[in-house]
Amino acid sequence: METDTTPTPASVVPKRPAIKKRRFTPQFKARIVKLCVQPGAVVPQIARDHDLGPNLVKRWVREHHMRGLSKGFVPVEVVAPAAPVGDIRIECTRGQQRIVVAWPTSSAKACAQWLREWLA
């Protein structure tokens, strides 16, 4: 009597087909983001309507906002204070030595220059 000793699996599980990663054009993403930023928009519903994951759409909206914040600088006008605010006070400690420097704010540029030279 001959017996077959090769093991056989209890159940054969068919392989799932490979999922191809979808790619979206910048125009499509922009259209979805535009829908999401409308007042009263529900992001998960918009995602479902377009067969997208809600987390993916939320990421697109977040990236859109980040790009909007980093587009450039906002011009700012700096006005000098009418009265001196006080003194610039710098305290430095190195080992047992301690130095305290008080400098008038009216000559802050000179203070910065002195500090750069002193630290060099």
PDB file of N, CA and C in Angstrom:
ATOM      1  N   MET A   1       0.810  -1.159   0.000  1.00  0.00           N
ATOM      2  CA  MET A   1       0.000   0.000   0.000  1.00  0.00           C
ATOM      3  C   MET A   1       0.870   1.244   0.000  1.00  0.00           C
ATOM      4  N   GLU A   2       0.603   2.092  -0.940  1.00  0.00           N
ATOM      5  CA  GLU A   2       1.404   3.298  -1.113  1.00  0.00           C
ATOM      6  C   GLU A   2       0.632   4.511  -0.591  1.00  0.00           C
ATOM      7  N   THR A   3       1.335   5.401   0.142  1.00  0.00           N
ATOM      8  CA  THR A   3       0.668   6.607   0.657  1.00  0.00           C
ATOM      9  C   THR A   3       1.395   7.844   0.152  1.00  0.00           C
ATOM     10  N   ASP A   4       0.626   8.874  -0.075  1.00  0.00           N
ATOM     11  CA  ASP A   4       1.189  10.160  -0.517  1.00  0.00           C
ATOM     12  C   ASP A   4       1.500  10.982   0.723  1.00  0.00           C
ATOM     13  N   THR A   5       2.737  11.411   0.905  1.00  0.00           N
ATOM     14  CA  THR A   5       3.133  12.140   2.107  1.00  0.00           C
ATOM     15  C   THR A   5       3.236  13.646   1.890  1.00  0.00           C
ATOM     16  N   THR A   6       2.870  14.132   0.750  1.00  0.00           N
ATOM     17  CA  THR A   6       2.944  15.580   0.523  1.00  0.00           C
ATOM     18  C   THR A   6       1.778  16.271   1.236  1.00  0.00           C
ATOM     19  N   PRO A   7       2.079  17.334   2.014  1.00  0.00           N
ATOM     20  CA  PRO A   7       1.010  18.018   2.746  1.00  0.00           C
ATOM     21  C   PRO A   7       0.124  18.812   1.792  1.00  0.00           C
ATOM     22  N   THR A   8      -1.139  18.828   2.085  1.00  0.00           N
ATOM     23  CA  THR A   8      -2.076  19.625   1.299  1.00  0.00           C
ATOM     24  C   THR A   8      -2.710  20.647   2.221  1.00  0.00           C
ATOM     25  N   PRO A   9      -2.834  21.878   1.739  1.00  0.00           N
ATOM     26  CA  PRO A   9      -3.446  22.898   2.601  1.00  0.00           C
ATOM     27  C   PRO A   9      -4.917  22.596   2.841  1.00  0.00           C
ATOM     28  N   ALA A  10      -5.368  22.986   4.043  1.00  0.00           N
ATOM     29  CA  ALA A  10      -6.756  22.721   4.405  1.00  0.00           C
ATOM     30  C   ALA A  10      -7.700  23.484   3.489  1.00  0.00           C
ATOM     31  N   SER A  11      -7.358  24.692   3.198  1.00  0.00           N
ATOM     32  CA  SER A  11      -8.175  25.465   2.270  1.00  0.00           C
ATOM     33  C   SER A  11      -7.252  26.350   1.443  1.00  0.00           C
ATOM     34  N   VAL A  12      -7.526  26.409   0.221  1.00  0.00           N
ATOM     35  CA  VAL A  12      -6.720  27.215  -0.680  1.00  0.00           C
ATOM     36  C   VAL A  12      -7.365  28.585  -0.771  1.00  0.00           C
ATOM     37  N   VAL A  13      -6.596  29.629  -0.371  1.00  0.00           N
ATOM     38  CA  VAL A  13      -7.093  30.998  -0.400  1.00  0.00           C
ATOM     39  C   VAL A  13      -6.619  31.652  -1.692  1.00  0.00           C
ATOM     40  N   PRO A  14      -7.552  32.074  -2.512  1.00  0.00           N
ATOM     41  CA  PRO A  14      -7.114  32.707  -3.765  1.00  0.00           C
ATOM     42  C   PRO A  14      -6.459  34.052  -3.475  1.00  0.00           C
ATOM     43  N   LYS A  15      -5.469  34.381  -4.256  1.00  0.00           N
ATOM     44  CA  LYS A  15      -4.790  35.668  -4.091  1.00  0.00           C
ATOM     45  C   LYS A  15      -5.699  36.794  -4.562  1.00  0.00           C
ATOM     46  N   ARG A  16      -5.646  37.895  -3.801  1.00  0.00           N
ATOM     47  CA  ARG A  16      -6.405  39.071  -4.214  1.00  0.00           C
ATOM     48  C   ARG A  16      -5.670  39.763  -5.340  1.00  0.00           C
ATOM     49  N   PRO A  17      -6.389  40.317  -6.265  1.00  0.00           N
ATOM     50  CA  PRO A  17      -5.699  41.055  -7.327  1.00  0.00           C
ATOM     51  C   PRO A  17      -5.015  42.287  -6.737  1.00  0.00           C
ATOM     52  N   ALA A  18      -3.872  42.621  -7.271  1.00  0.00           N
ATOM     53  CA  ALA A  18      -3.125  43.786  -6.790  1.00  0.00           C
ATOM     54  C   ALA A  18      -3.947  45.051  -7.009  1.00  0.00           C
ATOM     55  N   ILE A  19      -3.974  45.885  -5.991  1.00  0.00           N
ATOM     56  CA  ILE A  19      -4.717  47.138  -6.086  1.00  0.00           C
ATOM     57  C   ILE A  19      -3.796  48.187  -6.685  1.00  0.00           C
ATOM     58  N   LYS A  20      -4.211  48.745  -7.765  1.00  0.00           N
ATOM     59  CA  LYS A  20      -3.413  49.771  -8.428  1.00  0.00           C
ATOM     60  C   LYS A  20      -3.651  51.104  -7.731  1.00  0.00           C
ATOM     61  N   LYS A  21      -2.578  51.782  -7.401  1.00  0.00           N
ATOM     62  CA  LYS A  21      -2.687  53.073  -6.728  1.00  0.00           C
ATOM     63  C   LYS A  21      -3.257  54.103  -7.693  1.00  0.00           C
ATOM     64  N   ARG A  22      -4.296  54.752  -7.237  1.00  0.00           N
ATOM     65  CA  ARG A  22      -4.932  55.760  -8.084  1.00  0.00           C
ATOM     66  C   ARG A  22      -4.135  57.063  -8.017  1.00  0.00           C
ATOM     67  N   ARG A  23      -4.095  57.749  -9.111  1.00  0.00           N
ATOM     68  CA  ARG A  23      -3.426  59.054  -9.200  1.00  0.00           C
ATOM     69  C   ARG A  23      -4.483  60.091  -9.556  1.00  0.00           C
ATOM     70  N   PHE A  24      -4.396  61.250  -8.926  1.00  0.00           N
ATOM     71  CA  PHE A  24      -5.375  62.306  -9.168  1.00  0.00           C
ATOM     72  C   PHE A  24      -4.662  63.545  -9.674  1.00  0.00           C
ATOM     73  N   THR A  25      -5.269  64.199 -10.629  1.00  0.00           N
ATOM     74  CA  THR A  25      -4.671  65.405 -11.198  1.00  0.00           C
ATOM     75  C   THR A  25      -4.828  66.558 -10.204  1.00  0.00           C
ATOM     76  N   PRO A  26      -3.950  67.541 -10.289  1.00  0.00           N
ATOM     77  CA  PRO A  26      -4.088  68.716  -9.425  1.00  0.00           C
ATOM     78  C   PRO A  26      -5.428  69.426  -9.627  1.00  0.00           C
ATOM     79  N   GLN A  27      -5.966  69.392 -10.842  1.00  0.00           N
ATOM     80  CA  GLN A  27      -7.250  70.031 -11.108  1.00  0.00           C
ATOM     81  C   GLN A  27      -8.376  69.317 -10.358  1.00  0.00           C
ATOM     82  N   PHE A  28      -8.344  67.982 -10.348  1.00  0.00           N
ATOM     83  CA  PHE A  28      -9.358  67.217  -9.629  1.00  0.00           C
ATOM     84  C   PHE A  28      -9.278  67.495  -8.131  1.00  0.00           C
ATOM     85  N   LYS A  29      -8.045  67.484  -7.592  1.00  0.00           N
ATOM     86  CA  LYS A  29      -7.864  67.765  -6.163  1.00  0.00           C
ATOM     87  C   LYS A  29      -8.390  69.158  -5.826  1.00  0.00           C
ATOM     88  N   ALA A  30      -8.067  70.138  -6.670  1.00  0.00           N
ATOM     89  CA  ALA A  30      -8.516  71.512  -6.434  1.00  0.00           C
ATOM     90  C   ALA A  30     -10.037  71.600  -6.429  1.00  0.00           C
ATOM     91  N   ARG A  31     -10.689  70.849  -7.322  1.00  0.00           N
ATOM     92  CA  ARG A  31     -12.151  70.862  -7.379  1.00  0.00           C
ATOM     93  C   ARG A  31     -12.754  70.270  -6.106  1.00  0.00           C
ATOM     94  N   ILE A  32     -12.177  69.179  -5.624  1.00  0.00           N
ATOM     95  CA  ILE A  32     -12.671  68.543  -4.394  1.00  0.00           C
ATOM     96  C   ILE A  32     -12.445  69.472  -3.199  1.00  0.00           C
ATOM     97  N   VAL A  33     -11.268  70.092  -3.117  1.00  0.00           N
ATOM     98  CA  VAL A  33     -10.974  71.012  -2.011  1.00  0.00           C
ATOM     99  C   VAL A  33     -11.932  72.192  -2.046  1.00  0.00           C
ATOM    100  N   LYS A  34     -12.213  72.697  -3.248  1.00  0.00           N
ATOM    101  CA  LYS A  34     -13.138  73.829  -3.380  1.00  0.00           C
ATOM    102  C   LYS A  34     -14.516  73.453  -2.843  1.00  0.00           C
ATOM    103  N   LEU A  35     -14.957  72.222  -3.101  1.00  0.00           N
ATOM    104  CA  LEU A  35     -16.231  71.765  -2.552  1.00  0.00           C
ATOM    105  C   LEU A  35     -16.178  71.683  -1.026  1.00  0.00           C
ATOM    106  N   CYS A  36     -15.049  71.254  -0.500  1.00  0.00           N
ATOM    107  CA  CYS A  36     -14.914  71.041   0.947  1.00  0.00           C
ATOM    108  C   CYS A  36     -14.844  72.332   1.746  1.00  0.00           C
ATOM    109  N   VAL A  37     -14.332  73.406   1.156  1.00  0.00           N
ATOM    110  CA  VAL A  37     -14.174  74.653   1.913  1.00  0.00           C
ATOM    111  C   VAL A  37     -15.416  75.536   1.842  1.00  0.00           C
ATOM    112  N   GLN A  38     -16.447  75.071   1.141  1.00  0.00           N
ATOM    113  CA  GLN A  38     -17.699  75.824   1.088  1.00  0.00           C
ATOM    114  C   GLN A  38     -18.368  75.784   2.462  1.00  0.00           C
ATOM    115  N   PRO A  39     -19.067  76.851   2.858  1.00  0.00           N
ATOM    116  CA  PRO A  39     -19.774  76.836   4.139  1.00  0.00           C
ATOM    117  C   PRO A  39     -20.794  75.697   4.186  1.00  0.00           C
ATOM    118  N   GLY A  40     -20.783  74.970   5.278  1.00  0.00           N
ATOM    119  CA  GLY A  40     -21.725  73.872   5.469  1.00  0.00           C
ATOM    120  C   GLY A  40     -21.329  72.577   4.788  1.00  0.00           C
ATOM    121  N   ALA A  41     -20.159  72.522   4.157  1.00  0.00           N
ATOM    122  CA  ALA A  41     -19.725  71.309   3.467  1.00  0.00           C
ATOM    123  C   ALA A  41     -19.404  70.218   4.483  1.00  0.00           C
ATOM    124  N   VAL A  42     -19.738  68.985   4.143  1.00  0.00           N
ATOM    125  CA  VAL A  42     -19.437  67.823   4.986  1.00  0.00           C
ATOM    126  C   VAL A  42     -18.404  66.987   4.234  1.00  0.00           C
ATOM    127  N   VAL A  43     -17.167  67.024   4.719  1.00  0.00           N
ATOM    128  CA  VAL A  43     -16.053  66.391   4.013  1.00  0.00           C
ATOM    129  C   VAL A  43     -16.279  64.895   3.800  1.00  0.00           C
ATOM    130  N   PRO A  44     -16.693  64.128   4.814  1.00  0.00           N
ATOM    131  CA  PRO A  44     -16.898  62.691   4.559  1.00  0.00           C
ATOM    132  C   PRO A  44     -17.947  62.424   3.476  1.00  0.00           C
ATOM    133  N   GLN A  45     -18.979  63.243   3.415  1.00  0.00           N
ATOM    134  CA  GLN A  45     -20.011  63.048   2.390  1.00  0.00           C
ATOM    135  C   GLN A  45     -19.453  63.350   1.003  1.00  0.00           C
ATOM    136  N   ILE A  46     -18.681  64.412   0.899  1.00  0.00           N
ATOM    137  CA  ILE A  46     -18.067  64.756  -0.392  1.00  0.00           C
ATOM    138  C   ILE A  46     -17.125  63.636  -0.824  1.00  0.00           C
ATOM    139  N   ALA A  47     -16.369  63.083   0.142  1.00  0.00           N
ATOM    140  CA  ALA A  47     -15.459  61.979  -0.175  1.00  0.00           C
ATOM    141  C   ALA A  47     -16.238  60.776  -0.693  1.00  0.00           C
ATOM    142  N   ARG A  48     -17.326  60.413  -0.021  1.00  0.00           N
ATOM    143  CA  ARG A  48     -18.137  59.275  -0.458  1.00  0.00           C
ATOM    144  C   ARG A  48     -18.729  59.518  -1.843  1.00  0.00           C
ATOM    145  N   ASP A  49     -19.205  60.738  -2.077  1.00  0.00           N
ATOM    146  CA  ASP A  49     -19.806  61.062  -3.370  1.00  0.00           C
ATOM    147  C   ASP A  49     -18.823  60.881  -4.530  1.00  0.00           C
ATOM    148  N   HIS A  50     -17.521  61.034  -4.237  1.00  0.00           N
ATOM    149  CA  HIS A  50     -16.510  60.943  -5.292  1.00  0.00           C
ATOM    150  C   HIS A  50     -15.661  59.674  -5.160  1.00  0.00           C
ATOM    151  N   ASP A  51     -16.138  58.708  -4.356  1.00  0.00           N
ATOM    152  CA  ASP A  51     -15.461  57.424  -4.176  1.00  0.00           C
ATOM    153  C   ASP A  51     -14.027  57.619  -3.675  1.00  0.00           C
ATOM    154  N   LEU A  52     -13.887  58.477  -2.662  1.00  0.00           N
ATOM    155  CA  LEU A  52     -12.587  58.774  -2.067  1.00  0.00           C
ATOM    156  C   LEU A  52     -12.653  58.504  -0.569  1.00  0.00           C
ATOM    157  N   GLY A  53     -11.491  58.304   0.022  1.00  0.00           N
ATOM    158  CA  GLY A  53     -11.430  58.140   1.465  1.00  0.00           C
ATOM    159  C   GLY A  53     -11.490  59.503   2.149  1.00  0.00           C
ATOM    160  N   PRO A  54     -12.220  59.619   3.254  1.00  0.00           N
ATOM    161  CA  PRO A  54     -12.323  60.911   3.931  1.00  0.00           C
ATOM    162  C   PRO A  54     -10.975  61.436   4.431  1.00  0.00           C
ATOM    163  N   ASN A  55     -10.091  60.540   4.876  1.00  0.00           N
ATOM    164  CA  ASN A  55      -8.781  60.994   5.348  1.00  0.00           C
ATOM    165  C   ASN A  55      -7.943  61.577   4.216  1.00  0.00           C
ATOM    166  N   LEU A  56      -8.081  60.990   3.028  1.00  0.00           N
ATOM    167  CA  LEU A  56      -7.360  61.512   1.867  1.00  0.00           C
ATOM    168  C   LEU A  56      -7.834  62.931   1.544  1.00  0.00           C
ATOM    169  N   VAL A  57      -9.151  63.119   1.540  1.00  0.00           N
ATOM    170  CA  VAL A  57      -9.702  64.442   1.229  1.00  0.00           C
ATOM    171  C   VAL A  57      -9.300  65.449   2.303  1.00  0.00           C
ATOM    172  N   LYS A  58      -9.346  65.044   3.566  1.00  0.00           N
ATOM    173  CA  LYS A  58      -8.926  65.951   4.645  1.00  0.00           C
ATOM    174  C   LYS A  58      -7.467  66.346   4.480  1.00  0.00           C
ATOM    175  N   ARG A  59      -6.625  65.397   4.034  1.00  0.00           N
ATOM    176  CA  ARG A  59      -5.215  65.725   3.803  1.00  0.00           C
ATOM    177  C   ARG A  59      -5.073  66.744   2.682  1.00  0.00           C
ATOM    178  N   TRP A  60      -5.859  66.576   1.605  1.00  0.00           N
ATOM    179  CA  TRP A  60      -5.805  67.550   0.505  1.00  0.00           C
ATOM    180  C   TRP A  60      -6.207  68.933   0.988  1.00  0.00           C
ATOM    181  N   VAL A  61      -7.230  69.010   1.821  1.00  0.00           N
ATOM    182  CA  VAL A  61      -7.679  70.308   2.351  1.00  0.00           C
ATOM    183  C   VAL A  61      -6.590  70.909   3.226  1.00  0.00           C
ATOM    184  N   ARG A  62      -5.980  70.090   4.089  1.00  0.00           N
ATOM    185  CA  ARG A  62      -4.908  70.568   4.974  1.00  0.00           C
ATOM    186  C   ARG A  62      -3.722  71.074   4.157  1.00  0.00           C
ATOM    187  N   GLU A  63      -3.320  70.327   3.122  1.00  0.00           N
ATOM    188  CA  GLU A  63      -2.206  70.755   2.271  1.00  0.00           C
ATOM    189  C   GLU A  63      -2.549  72.050   1.535  1.00  0.00           C
ATOM    190  N   HIS A  64      -3.802  72.185   1.125  1.00  0.00           N
ATOM    191  CA  HIS A  64      -4.249  73.408   0.455  1.00  0.00           C
ATOM    192  C   HIS A  64      -4.092  74.612   1.385  1.00  0.00           C
ATOM    193  N   HIS A  65      -4.506  74.451   2.632  1.00  0.00           N
ATOM    194  CA  HIS A  65      -4.381  75.546   3.597  1.00  0.00           C
ATOM    195  C   HIS A  65      -2.916  75.871   3.885  1.00  0.00           C
ATOM    196  N   MET A  66      -2.071  74.838   3.957  1.00  0.00           N
ATOM    197  CA  MET A  66      -0.647  75.080   4.221  1.00  0.00           C
ATOM    198  C   MET A  66       0.000  75.830   3.062  1.00  0.00           C
ATOM    199  N   ARG A  67      -0.378  75.491   1.842  1.00  0.00           N
ATOM    200  CA  ARG A  67       0.172  76.220   0.685  1.00  0.00           C
ATOM    201  C   ARG A  67      -0.288  77.671   0.708  1.00  0.00           C
ATOM    202  N   GLY A  68      -1.523  77.896   1.118  1.00  0.00           N
ATOM    203  CA  GLY A  68      -2.056  79.259   1.172  1.00  0.00           C
ATOM    204  C   GLY A  68      -1.344  80.110   2.211  1.00  0.00           C
ATOM    205  N   LEU A  69      -0.889  79.469   3.304  1.00  0.00           N
ATOM    206  CA  LEU A  69      -0.202  80.222   4.352  1.00  0.00           C
ATOM    207  C   LEU A  69       1.225  80.565   3.962  1.00  0.00           C
ATOM    208  N   SER A  70       1.832  79.778   3.089  1.00  0.00           N
ATOM    209  CA  SER A  70       3.241  79.993   2.774  1.00  0.00           C
ATOM    210  C   SER A  70       3.456  80.646   1.420  1.00  0.00           C
ATOM    211  N   LYS A  71       2.472  81.371   0.925  1.00  0.00           N
ATOM    212  CA  LYS A  71       2.615  81.975  -0.403  1.00  0.00           C
ATOM    213  C   LYS A  71       3.592  83.147  -0.424  1.00  0.00           C
ATOM    214  N   GLY A  72       3.775  83.835   0.665  1.00  0.00           N
ATOM    215  CA  GLY A  72       4.686  84.961   0.663  1.00  0.00           C
ATOM    216  C   GLY A  72       4.610  85.728   1.963  1.00  0.00           C
ATOM    217  N   PHE A  73       5.270  86.832   1.983  1.00  0.00           N
ATOM    218  CA  PHE A  73       5.316  87.652   3.171  1.00  0.00           C
ATOM    219  C   PHE A  73       4.209  88.697   3.148  1.00  0.00           C
ATOM    220  N   VAL A  74       3.754  89.037   4.306  1.00  0.00           N
ATOM    221  CA  VAL A  74       2.762  90.089   4.444  1.00  0.00           C
ATOM    222  C   VAL A  74       3.516  91.350   4.842  1.00  0.00           C
ATOM    223  N   PRO A  75       3.328  92.454   4.128  1.00  0.00           N
ATOM    224  CA  PRO A  75       4.049  93.671   4.496  1.00  0.00           C
ATOM    225  C   PRO A  75       3.599  94.178   5.867  1.00  0.00           C
ATOM    226  N   VAL A  76       4.573  94.529   6.688  1.00  0.00           N
ATOM    227  CA  VAL A  76       4.305  95.016   8.033  1.00  0.00           C
ATOM    228  C   VAL A  76       5.046  96.335   8.213  1.00  0.00           C
ATOM    229  N   GLU A  77       4.355  97.302   8.723  1.00  0.00           N
ATOM    230  CA  GLU A  77       4.986  98.585   8.998  1.00  0.00           C
ATOM    231  C   GLU A  77       5.351  98.643  10.472  1.00  0.00           C
ATOM    232  N   VAL A  78       6.629  98.874  10.757  1.00  0.00           N
ATOM    233  CA  VAL A  78       7.109  98.936  12.127  1.00  0.00           C
ATOM    234  C   VAL A  78       7.272 100.399  12.504  1.00  0.00           C
ATOM    235  N   VAL A  79       6.614 100.770  13.580  1.00  0.00           N
ATOM    236  CA  VAL A  79       6.680 102.152  14.044  1.00  0.00           C
ATOM    237  C   VAL A  79       7.516 102.180  15.319  1.00  0.00           C
ATOM    238  N   ALA A  80       8.457 103.117  15.367  1.00  0.00           N
ATOM    239  CA  ALA A  80       9.299 103.241  16.558  1.00  0.00           C
ATOM    240  C   ALA A  80       8.454 103.722  17.733  1.00  0.00           C
ATOM    241  N   PRO A  81       8.701 103.199  18.938  1.00  0.00           N
ATOM    242  CA  PRO A  81       7.926 103.636  20.099  1.00  0.00           C
ATOM    243  C   PRO A  81       8.194 105.107  20.412  1.00  0.00           C
ATOM    244  N   ALA A  82       7.187 105.776  20.920  1.00  0.00           N
ATOM    245  CA  ALA A  82       7.314 107.198  21.240  1.00  0.00           C
ATOM    246  C   ALA A  82       8.282 107.427  22.399  1.00  0.00           C
ATOM    247  N   ALA A  83       8.242 106.565  23.378  1.00  0.00           N
ATOM    248  CA  ALA A  83       9.125 106.702  24.535  1.00  0.00           C
ATOM    249  C   ALA A  83       9.942 105.423  24.679  1.00  0.00           C
ATOM    250  N   PRO A  84      11.161 105.532  25.196  1.00  0.00           N
ATOM    251  CA  PRO A  84      11.966 104.332  25.382  1.00  0.00           C
ATOM    252  C   PRO A  84      11.250 103.346  26.306  1.00  0.00           C
ATOM    253  N   VAL A  85      11.319 102.079  25.941  1.00  0.00           N
ATOM    254  CA  VAL A  85      10.633 101.043  26.696  1.00  0.00           C
ATOM    255  C   VAL A  85      11.414 100.672  27.945  1.00  0.00           C
ATOM    256  N   GLY A  86      12.682 100.797  27.913  1.00  0.00           N
ATOM    257  CA  GLY A  86      13.529 100.410  29.043  1.00  0.00           C
ATOM    258  C   GLY A  86      14.911 100.069  28.531  1.00  0.00           C
ATOM    259  N   ASP A  87      15.611  99.295  29.281  1.00  0.00           N
ATOM    260  CA  ASP A  87      16.953  98.888  28.910  1.00  0.00           C
ATOM    261  C   ASP A  87      16.951  97.444  28.426  1.00  0.00           C
ATOM    262  N   ILE A  88      17.924  97.150  27.571  1.00  0.00           N
ATOM    263  CA  ILE A  88      18.176  95.770  27.179  1.00  0.00           C
ATOM    264  C   ILE A  88      19.042  95.200  28.292  1.00  0.00           C
ATOM    265  N   ARG A  89      18.641  94.067  28.816  1.00  0.00           N
ATOM    266  CA  ARG A  89      19.389  93.461  29.917  1.00  0.00           C
ATOM    267  C   ARG A  89      19.833  92.076  29.484  1.00  0.00           C
ATOM    268  N   ILE A  90      21.148  91.862  29.506  1.00  0.00           N
ATOM    269  CA  ILE A  90      21.728  90.584  29.102  1.00  0.00           C
ATOM    270  C   ILE A  90      22.511  90.033  30.283  1.00  0.00           C
ATOM    271  N   GLU A  91      22.202  88.788  30.660  1.00  0.00           N
ATOM    272  CA  GLU A  91      22.916  88.113  31.747  1.00  0.00           C
ATOM    273  C   GLU A  91      23.586  86.876  31.180  1.00  0.00           C
ATOM    274  N   CYS A  92      24.892  86.780  31.359  1.00  0.00           N
ATOM    275  CA  CYS A  92      25.645  85.627  30.869  1.00  0.00           C
ATOM    276  C   CYS A  92      26.405  85.008  32.029  1.00  0.00           C
ATOM    277  N   THR A  93      26.340  83.692  32.122  1.00  0.00           N
ATOM    278  CA  THR A  93      27.058  82.969  33.168  1.00  0.00           C
ATOM    279  C   THR A  93      27.926  81.922  32.507  1.00  0.00           C
ATOM    280  N   ARG A  94      29.184  81.912  32.862  1.00  0.00           N
ATOM    281  CA  ARG A  94      30.129  80.902  32.352  1.00  0.00           C
ATOM    282  C   ARG A  94      30.944  80.423  33.541  1.00  0.00           C
ATOM    283  N   GLY A  95      30.641  79.197  33.984  1.00  0.00           N
ATOM    284  CA  GLY A  95      31.321  78.665  35.171  1.00  0.00           C
ATOM    285  C   GLY A  95      30.947  79.494  36.384  1.00  0.00           C
ATOM    286  N   GLN A  96      31.955  80.037  37.077  1.00  0.00           N
ATOM    287  CA  GLN A  96      31.719  80.878  38.252  1.00  0.00           C
ATOM    288  C   GLN A  96      31.608  82.358  37.893  1.00  0.00           C
ATOM    289  N   GLN A  97      31.874  82.692  36.625  1.00  0.00           N
ATOM    290  CA  GLN A  97      31.826  84.090  36.209  1.00  0.00           C
ATOM    291  C   GLN A  97      30.427  84.446  35.723  1.00  0.00           C
ATOM    292  N   ARG A  98      30.003  85.651  36.077  1.00  0.00           N
ATOM    293  CA  ARG A  98      28.697  86.136  35.644  1.00  0.00           C
ATOM    294  C   ARG A  98      28.843  87.594  35.233  1.00  0.00           C
ATOM    295  N   ILE A  99      28.228  87.927  34.114  1.00  0.00           N
ATOM    296  CA  ILE A  99      28.274  89.305  33.636  1.00  0.00           C
ATOM    297  C   ILE A  99      26.846  89.749  33.328  1.00  0.00           C
ATOM    298  N   VAL A 100      26.534  90.978  33.737  1.00  0.00           N
ATOM    299  CA  VAL A 100      25.229  91.564  33.467  1.00  0.00           C
ATOM    300  C   VAL A 100      25.473  92.857  32.702  1.00  0.00           C
ATOM    301  N   VAL A 101      24.824  92.964  31.527  1.00  0.00           N
ATOM    302  CA  VAL A 101      24.981  94.155  30.697  1.00  0.00           C
ATOM    303  C   VAL A 101      23.612  94.808  30.547  1.00  0.00           C
ATOM    304  N   ALA A 102      23.560  96.090  30.832  1.00  0.00           N
ATOM    305  CA  ALA A 102      22.337  96.865  30.619  1.00  0.00           C
ATOM    306  C   ALA A 102      22.646  97.873  29.521  1.00  0.00           C
ATOM    307  N   TRP A 103      21.803  97.927  28.518  1.00  0.00           N
ATOM    308  CA  TRP A 103      22.047  98.778  27.360  1.00  0.00           C
ATOM    309  C   TRP A 103      20.747  99.507  27.035  1.00  0.00           C
ATOM    310  N   PRO A 104      20.809 100.793  26.704  1.00  0.00           N
ATOM    311  CA  PRO A 104      19.573 101.513  26.375  1.00  0.00           C
ATOM    312  C   PRO A 104      18.964 100.984  25.077  1.00  0.00           C
ATOM    313  N   THR A 105      17.648 100.850  25.062  1.00  0.00           N
ATOM    314  CA  THR A 105      16.973 100.326  23.875  1.00  0.00           C
ATOM    315  C   THR A 105      17.110 101.247  22.673  1.00  0.00           C
ATOM    316  N   SER A 106      17.380 102.511  22.926  1.00  0.00           N
ATOM    317  CA  SER A 106      17.523 103.455  21.817  1.00  0.00           C
ATOM    318  C   SER A 106      18.730 103.125  20.949  1.00  0.00           C
ATOM    319  N   SER A 107      19.694 102.389  21.491  1.00  0.00           N
ATOM    320  CA  SER A 107      20.860 102.003  20.694  1.00  0.00           C
ATOM    321  C   SER A 107      20.988 100.476  20.649  1.00  0.00           C
ATOM    322  N   ALA A 108      19.888  99.813  20.325  1.00  0.00           N
ATOM    323  CA  ALA A 108      19.857  98.350  20.271  1.00  0.00           C
ATOM    324  C   ALA A 108      20.789  97.800  19.201  1.00  0.00           C
ATOM    325  N   LYS A 109      20.937  98.535  18.096  1.00  0.00           N
ATOM    326  CA  LYS A 109      21.815  98.072  17.020  1.00  0.00           C
ATOM    327  C   LYS A 109      23.264  98.007  17.501  1.00  0.00           C
ATOM    328  N   ALA A 110      23.683  99.004  18.247  1.00  0.00           N
ATOM    329  CA  ALA A 110      25.039  99.008  18.790  1.00  0.00           C
ATOM    330  C   ALA A 110      25.212  97.875  19.802  1.00  0.00           C
ATOM    331  N   CYS A 111      24.165  97.578  20.554  1.00  0.00           N
ATOM    332  CA  CYS A 111      24.214  96.479  21.518  1.00  0.00           C
ATOM    333  C   CYS A 111      24.404  95.152  20.796  1.00  0.00           C
ATOM    334  N   ALA A 112      23.664  94.947  19.713  1.00  0.00           N
ATOM    335  CA  ALA A 112      23.783  93.714  18.946  1.00  0.00           C
ATOM    336  C   ALA A 112      25.180  93.565  18.357  1.00  0.00           C
ATOM    337  N   GLN A 113      25.733  94.668  17.853  1.00  0.00           N
ATOM    338  CA  GLN A 113      27.063  94.620  17.280  1.00  0.00           C
ATOM    339  C   GLN A 113      28.096  94.280  18.363  1.00  0.00           C
ATOM    340  N   TRP A 114      27.995  94.908  19.540  1.00  0.00           N
ATOM    341  CA  TRP A 114      28.908  94.638  20.644  1.00  0.00           C
ATOM    342  C   TRP A 114      28.804  93.178  21.077  1.00  0.00           C
ATOM    343  N   LEU A 115      27.574  92.659  21.155  1.00  0.00           N
ATOM    344  CA  LEU A 115      27.368  91.297  21.604  1.00  0.00           C
ATOM    345  C   LEU A 115      27.972  90.301  20.596  1.00  0.00           C
ATOM    346  N   ARG A 116      27.806  90.555  19.300  1.00  0.00           N
ATOM    347  CA  ARG A 116      28.411  89.689  18.283  1.00  0.00           C
ATOM    348  C   ARG A 116      29.938  89.658  18.423  1.00  0.00           C
ATOM    349  N   GLU A 117      30.527  90.822  18.623  1.00  0.00           N
ATOM    350  CA  GLU A 117      31.997  90.885  18.768  1.00  0.00           C
ATOM    351  C   GLU A 117      32.439  90.186  20.046  1.00  0.00           C
ATOM    352  N   TRP A 118      31.664  90.361  21.107  1.00  0.00           N
ATOM    353  CA  TRP A 118      32.040  89.770  22.389  1.00  0.00           C
ATOM    354  C   TRP A 118      31.951  88.255  22.362  1.00  0.00           C
ATOM    355  N   LEU A 119      30.961  87.720  21.648  1.00  0.00           N
ATOM    356  CA  LEU A 119      30.773  86.275  21.577  1.00  0.00           C
ATOM    357  C   LEU A 119      31.708  85.612  20.585  1.00  0.00           C
ATOM    358  N   ALA A 120      32.291  86.365  19.663  1.00  0.00           N
ATOM    359  CA  ALA A 120      33.169  85.797  18.639  1.00  0.00           C
ATOM    360  C   ALA A 120      34.470  85.297  19.206  1.00  0.00           C
TER     361      ALA A 120
END
